[in-house]
Amino acid sequence: MEFITLLDIPTDELIQIEQSEIDEANRYVERVLFQKGIPLTPELQDNMHLKDLAKTYAIYRAFLKRYSATGNENEYGIKLKHYEKLLKDIENSITKETLEITSETTSVFGTFKIGRG
């Protein structure tokens, strides 16, 4: 599911976001939703909380790549720490309530008989 595109990312003179980070960020949001037991629905694609999570993750990954390449504590390291904390804060705030999911949806994958003995 696509939560963000390159056009959603603000311009930062320190870092350039690539399509690979956007793709990874969209997959990351899907993983977070899965871990929290929140089903993927088309309505979530436009949710601002999830867009913020994806944008923050993409920027974080870009700074992580750049910081790893330089290997010293500089502007990249400072921004990396900032985005890492922001990412954790946003991820921790994601709940069914913040996503305004009110109805409980259940899905049955199938049933099968367990033979014993």
N, C-alpha and C. Protein backbone atom coordinates (compact mmCIF):
# COMPACT_ATOMS: atom_id res chain seq x y z
N MET A 1 0.86 -1.16 0.00
CA MET A 1 0.00 0.00 0.00
C MET A 1 0.90 1.23 0.00
N GLU A 2 0.54 2.22 -0.75
CA GLU A 2 1.34 3.43 -0.85
C GLU A 2 0.78 4.53 0.04
N PHE A 3 1.55 4.86 1.08
CA PHE A 3 1.15 5.93 1.99
C PHE A 3 1.77 7.25 1.57
N ILE A 4 2.99 7.21 1.03
CA ILE A 4 3.67 8.43 0.60
C ILE A 4 4.37 8.20 -0.74
N THR A 5 4.70 9.30 -1.39
CA THR A 5 5.51 9.30 -2.60
C THR A 5 6.65 10.30 -2.38
N LEU A 6 7.53 10.40 -3.33
CA LEU A 6 8.63 11.36 -3.22
C LEU A 6 8.12 12.80 -3.06
N LEU A 7 6.97 13.09 -3.65
CA LEU A 7 6.42 14.45 -3.57
C LEU A 7 5.98 14.83 -2.16
N ASP A 8 5.76 13.84 -1.29
CA ASP A 8 5.32 14.10 0.07
C ASP A 8 6.46 14.50 1.01
N ILE A 9 7.69 14.30 0.58
CA ILE A 9 8.84 14.52 1.44
C ILE A 9 9.29 15.98 1.36
N PRO A 10 9.43 16.64 2.51
CA PRO A 10 9.91 18.03 2.49
C PRO A 10 11.38 18.07 2.06
N THR A 11 11.77 19.16 1.44
CA THR A 11 13.15 19.33 0.98
C THR A 11 14.05 19.64 2.17
N ASP A 12 15.15 18.94 2.25
CA ASP A 12 16.15 19.17 3.28
C ASP A 12 17.49 19.31 2.58
N GLU A 13 18.17 20.38 2.88
CA GLU A 13 19.43 20.61 2.17
C GLU A 13 20.52 19.63 2.57
N LEU A 14 20.34 18.93 3.68
CA LEU A 14 21.34 17.96 4.11
C LEU A 14 21.21 16.59 3.44
N ILE A 15 20.02 16.25 3.03
CA ILE A 15 19.78 14.86 2.61
C ILE A 15 18.88 14.80 1.38
N GLN A 16 19.10 13.81 0.57
CA GLN A 16 18.27 13.56 -0.61
C GLN A 16 17.57 12.22 -0.41
N ILE A 17 16.26 12.21 -0.45
CA ILE A 17 15.48 10.98 -0.28
C ILE A 17 15.34 10.31 -1.64
N GLU A 18 15.57 9.00 -1.66
CA GLU A 18 15.47 8.23 -2.90
C GLU A 18 14.20 7.38 -2.88
N GLN A 19 13.82 6.91 -4.05
CA GLN A 19 12.62 6.08 -4.17
C GLN A 19 12.72 4.82 -3.31
N SER A 20 13.90 4.28 -3.16
CA SER A 20 14.06 3.07 -2.34
C SER A 20 13.67 3.32 -0.89
N GLU A 21 13.96 4.52 -0.38
CA GLU A 21 13.56 4.85 1.00
C GLU A 21 12.05 5.04 1.10
N ILE A 22 11.44 5.55 0.06
CA ILE A 22 9.99 5.70 0.03
C ILE A 22 9.33 4.31 0.05
N ASP A 23 9.82 3.42 -0.78
CA ASP A 23 9.27 2.06 -0.83
C ASP A 23 9.44 1.36 0.51
N GLU A 24 10.61 1.52 1.11
CA GLU A 24 10.87 0.90 2.41
C GLU A 24 9.96 1.49 3.49
N ALA A 25 9.72 2.79 3.43
CA ALA A 25 8.85 3.46 4.41
C ALA A 25 7.41 2.96 4.30
N ASN A 26 6.93 2.78 3.08
CA ASN A 26 5.57 2.26 2.89
C ASN A 26 5.45 0.84 3.45
N ARG A 27 6.47 0.02 3.23
CA ARG A 27 6.45 -1.35 3.80
C ARG A 27 6.54 -1.31 5.32
N TYR A 28 7.30 -0.37 5.84
CA TYR A 28 7.45 -0.22 7.29
C TYR A 28 6.10 0.07 7.95
N VAL A 29 5.33 0.97 7.35
CA VAL A 29 4.01 1.31 7.90
C VAL A 29 3.11 0.07 7.89
N GLU A 30 3.16 -0.69 6.82
CA GLU A 30 2.38 -1.93 6.76
C GLU A 30 2.78 -2.88 7.89
N ARG A 31 4.08 -3.00 8.15
CA ARG A 31 4.56 -3.88 9.23
C ARG A 31 4.07 -3.40 10.59
N VAL A 32 4.12 -2.09 10.81
CA VAL A 32 3.66 -1.53 12.09
C VAL A 32 2.18 -1.84 12.29
N LEU A 33 1.39 -1.64 11.25
CA LEU A 33 -0.04 -1.94 11.36
C LEU A 33 -0.27 -3.42 11.64
N PHE A 34 0.46 -4.27 10.96
CA PHE A 34 0.33 -5.72 11.17
C PHE A 34 0.69 -6.08 12.61
N GLN A 35 1.80 -5.53 13.12
CA GLN A 35 2.23 -5.82 14.49
C GLN A 35 1.22 -5.36 15.52
N LYS A 36 0.49 -4.30 15.21
CA LYS A 36 -0.50 -3.77 16.14
C LYS A 36 -1.88 -4.39 15.93
N GLY A 37 -1.97 -5.32 14.97
CA GLY A 37 -3.24 -5.99 14.73
C GLY A 37 -4.27 -5.12 14.03
N ILE A 38 -3.80 -4.13 13.29
CA ILE A 38 -4.70 -3.21 12.59
C ILE A 38 -4.76 -3.63 11.13
N PRO A 39 -5.94 -3.98 10.64
CA PRO A 39 -6.05 -4.44 9.25
C PRO A 39 -5.82 -3.31 8.24
N LEU A 40 -5.16 -3.64 7.14
CA LEU A 40 -4.95 -2.66 6.07
C LEU A 40 -6.25 -2.45 5.32
N THR A 41 -6.67 -1.21 5.25
CA THR A 41 -7.86 -0.87 4.49
C THR A 41 -7.52 0.33 3.60
N PRO A 42 -8.21 0.49 2.49
CA PRO A 42 -7.93 1.62 1.59
C PRO A 42 -8.04 2.99 2.27
N GLU A 43 -8.91 3.10 3.28
CA GLU A 43 -9.09 4.37 3.97
C GLU A 43 -7.83 4.82 4.70
N LEU A 44 -7.02 3.87 5.14
CA LEU A 44 -5.81 4.20 5.89
C LEU A 44 -4.74 4.85 5.03
N GLN A 45 -4.84 4.68 3.73
CA GLN A 45 -3.84 5.22 2.82
C GLN A 45 -3.71 6.74 2.93
N ASP A 46 -4.79 7.42 3.27
CA ASP A 46 -4.78 8.87 3.37
C ASP A 46 -4.70 9.37 4.81
N ASN A 47 -4.49 8.46 5.76
CA ASN A 47 -4.44 8.85 7.16
C ASN A 47 -3.17 9.66 7.46
N MET A 48 -3.32 10.82 8.04
CA MET A 48 -2.19 11.71 8.29
C MET A 48 -1.17 11.13 9.27
N HIS A 49 -1.64 10.37 10.28
CA HIS A 49 -0.72 9.75 11.23
C HIS A 49 0.20 8.77 10.51
N LEU A 50 -0.36 7.98 9.61
CA LEU A 50 0.43 7.00 8.88
C LEU A 50 1.34 7.66 7.86
N LYS A 51 0.86 8.73 7.24
CA LYS A 51 1.72 9.49 6.31
C LYS A 51 2.91 10.08 7.06
N ASP A 52 2.65 10.63 8.25
CA ASP A 52 3.75 11.17 9.06
C ASP A 52 4.75 10.09 9.45
N LEU A 53 4.23 8.92 9.81
CA LEU A 53 5.10 7.80 10.17
C LEU A 53 5.96 7.40 8.97
N ALA A 54 5.38 7.31 7.80
CA ALA A 54 6.12 6.92 6.60
C ALA A 54 7.15 7.98 6.23
N LYS A 55 6.78 9.25 6.27
CA LYS A 55 7.72 10.33 5.94
C LYS A 55 8.90 10.32 6.91
N THR A 56 8.60 10.20 8.18
CA THR A 56 9.65 10.21 9.19
C THR A 56 10.59 9.02 9.00
N TYR A 57 10.03 7.86 8.69
CA TYR A 57 10.86 6.68 8.48
C TYR A 57 11.76 6.85 7.26
N ALA A 58 11.23 7.38 6.18
CA ALA A 58 12.03 7.58 4.96
C ALA A 58 13.19 8.54 5.24
N ILE A 59 12.91 9.61 5.94
CA ILE A 59 13.96 10.58 6.25
C ILE A 59 14.98 9.97 7.21
N TYR A 60 14.49 9.23 8.20
CA TYR A 60 15.38 8.55 9.15
C TYR A 60 16.33 7.60 8.42
N ARG A 61 15.78 6.79 7.50
CA ARG A 61 16.62 5.83 6.76
C ARG A 61 17.65 6.55 5.90
N ALA A 62 17.27 7.67 5.31
CA ALA A 62 18.21 8.43 4.49
C ALA A 62 19.35 8.98 5.35
N PHE A 63 19.01 9.51 6.53
CA PHE A 63 20.05 10.01 7.42
C PHE A 63 20.90 8.86 7.95
N LEU A 64 20.30 7.72 8.22
CA LEU A 64 21.05 6.57 8.69
C LEU A 64 22.08 6.13 7.64
N LYS A 65 21.66 6.10 6.39
CA LYS A 65 22.57 5.72 5.31
C LYS A 65 23.72 6.72 5.20
N ARG A 66 23.39 7.99 5.25
CA ARG A 66 24.40 9.04 5.12
C ARG A 66 25.33 9.05 6.34
N TYR A 67 24.76 8.91 7.53
CA TYR A 67 25.56 8.90 8.76
C TYR A 67 26.50 7.71 8.78
N SER A 68 26.01 6.55 8.36
CA SER A 68 26.85 5.34 8.32
C SER A 68 28.01 5.52 7.36
N ALA A 69 27.80 6.28 6.30
CA ALA A 69 28.85 6.51 5.32
C ALA A 69 29.95 7.43 5.86
N THR A 70 29.56 8.42 6.69
CA THR A 70 30.56 9.34 7.21
C THR A 70 31.19 8.82 8.49
N GLY A 71 30.39 8.16 9.33
CA GLY A 71 30.90 7.49 10.51
C GLY A 71 31.34 8.37 11.67
N ASN A 72 31.07 9.65 11.63
CA ASN A 72 31.43 10.49 12.76
C ASN A 72 30.22 11.32 13.22
N GLU A 73 30.33 11.84 14.44
CA GLU A 73 29.22 12.63 15.00
C GLU A 73 29.23 14.02 14.37
N ASN A 74 28.29 14.26 13.49
CA ASN A 74 28.21 15.53 12.79
C ASN A 74 26.74 15.90 12.63
N GLU A 75 26.44 16.75 11.70
CA GLU A 75 25.03 17.14 11.47
C GLU A 75 24.15 15.94 11.20
N TYR A 76 24.67 14.96 10.46
CA TYR A 76 23.89 13.77 10.14
C TYR A 76 23.56 12.97 11.39
N GLY A 77 24.52 12.84 12.28
CA GLY A 77 24.30 12.11 13.52
C GLY A 77 23.28 12.79 14.41
N ILE A 78 23.34 14.10 14.48
CA ILE A 78 22.38 14.86 15.29
C ILE A 78 20.97 14.71 14.73
N LYS A 79 20.83 14.87 13.41
CA LYS A 79 19.51 14.71 12.77
C LYS A 79 19.03 13.28 12.90
N LEU A 80 19.94 12.32 12.77
CA LEU A 80 19.57 10.91 12.89
C LEU A 80 18.94 10.64 14.25
N LYS A 81 19.55 11.13 15.31
CA LYS A 81 19.01 10.93 16.66
C LYS A 81 17.64 11.60 16.80
N HIS A 82 17.50 12.78 16.23
CA HIS A 82 16.22 13.49 16.28
C HIS A 82 15.12 12.67 15.59
N TYR A 83 15.41 12.18 14.38
CA TYR A 83 14.40 11.43 13.63
C TYR A 83 14.14 10.06 14.25
N GLU A 84 15.14 9.47 14.88
CA GLU A 84 14.93 8.19 15.55
C GLU A 84 13.94 8.34 16.70
N LYS A 85 14.11 9.40 17.50
CA LYS A 85 13.18 9.65 18.60
C LYS A 85 11.78 9.97 18.07
N LEU A 86 11.72 10.83 17.06
CA LEU A 86 10.44 11.19 16.46
C LEU A 86 9.73 9.96 15.90
N LEU A 87 10.48 9.08 15.25
CA LEU A 87 9.91 7.86 14.69
C LEU A 87 9.31 6.98 15.78
N LYS A 88 10.02 6.80 16.88
CA LYS A 88 9.51 5.99 17.99
C LYS A 88 8.25 6.61 18.60
N ASP A 89 8.27 7.94 18.75
CA ASP A 89 7.11 8.63 19.32
C ASP A 89 5.87 8.47 18.43
N ILE A 90 6.05 8.64 17.13
CA ILE A 90 4.91 8.51 16.22
C ILE A 90 4.42 7.07 16.20
N GLU A 91 5.35 6.12 16.12
CA GLU A 91 4.95 4.70 16.10
C GLU A 91 4.18 4.33 17.36
N ASN A 92 4.64 4.79 18.51
CA ASN A 92 3.96 4.48 19.77
C ASN A 92 2.58 5.13 19.86
N SER A 93 2.36 6.20 19.10
CA SER A 93 1.06 6.87 19.14
C SER A 93 0.03 6.22 18.22
N ILE A 94 0.45 5.30 17.37
CA ILE A 94 -0.46 4.66 16.42
C ILE A 94 -1.31 3.61 17.14
N THR A 95 -2.60 3.87 17.21
CA THR A 95 -3.57 2.93 17.77
C THR A 95 -4.82 2.97 16.91
N LYS A 96 -5.72 2.05 17.17
CA LYS A 96 -6.99 2.08 16.44
C LYS A 96 -7.72 3.40 16.70
N GLU A 97 -7.58 3.91 17.90
CA GLU A 97 -8.26 5.17 18.25
C GLU A 97 -7.66 6.35 17.48
N THR A 98 -6.32 6.43 17.42
CA THR A 98 -5.71 7.55 16.70
C THR A 98 -5.97 7.45 15.20
N LEU A 99 -6.19 6.24 14.71
CA LEU A 99 -6.50 6.05 13.29
C LEU A 99 -7.99 6.15 13.03
N GLU A 100 -8.75 6.38 14.11
CA GLU A 100 -10.20 6.52 14.04
C GLU A 100 -10.88 5.29 13.47
N ILE A 101 -10.38 4.12 13.89
CA ILE A 101 -11.01 2.86 13.51
C ILE A 101 -12.00 2.52 14.62
N THR A 102 -13.26 2.52 14.27
CA THR A 102 -14.29 2.31 15.30
C THR A 102 -14.91 0.93 15.24
N SER A 103 -15.01 0.36 14.06
CA SER A 103 -15.66 -0.95 13.98
C SER A 103 -14.59 -2.04 14.01
N GLU A 104 -14.90 -3.06 14.74
CA GLU A 104 -14.01 -4.21 14.85
C GLU A 104 -14.27 -5.13 13.66
N THR A 105 -13.24 -5.37 12.88
CA THR A 105 -13.41 -6.29 11.76
C THR A 105 -12.68 -7.58 12.09
N THR A 106 -13.35 -8.66 11.87
CA THR A 106 -12.72 -9.95 12.11
C THR A 106 -12.67 -10.69 10.79
N SER A 107 -11.68 -11.51 10.68
CA SER A 107 -11.57 -12.32 9.48
C SER A 107 -11.23 -13.75 9.87
N VAL A 108 -11.82 -14.67 9.18
CA VAL A 108 -11.58 -16.08 9.43
C VAL A 108 -10.76 -16.61 8.27
N PHE A 109 -9.62 -17.18 8.59
CA PHE A 109 -8.75 -17.70 7.55
C PHE A 109 -9.12 -19.13 7.18
N GLY A 110 -9.84 -19.80 8.04
CA GLY A 110 -10.24 -21.16 7.76
C GLY A 110 -10.23 -21.98 9.03
N THR A 111 -10.92 -23.08 8.99
CA THR A 111 -10.92 -23.98 10.13
C THR A 111 -10.52 -25.37 9.64
N PHE A 112 -9.95 -26.09 10.52
CA PHE A 112 -9.56 -27.44 10.17
C PHE A 112 -9.63 -28.32 11.40
N LYS A 113 -9.83 -29.59 11.17
CA LYS A 113 -9.96 -30.56 12.24
C LYS A 113 -8.57 -31.07 12.59
N ILE A 114 -8.30 -31.12 13.88
CA ILE A 114 -7.01 -31.63 14.33
C ILE A 114 -7.22 -33.08 14.75
N GLY A 115 -6.52 -33.97 14.09
CA GLY A 115 -6.60 -35.38 14.44
C GLY A 115 -5.55 -35.72 15.49
N ARG A 116 -5.96 -36.43 16.48
CA ARG A 116 -5.02 -36.80 17.56
C ARG A 116 -4.94 -38.31 17.66
N GLY A 117 -3.77 -38.74 17.99
CA GLY A 117 -3.56 -40.14 18.31
C GLY A 117 -3.37 -41.00 17.18
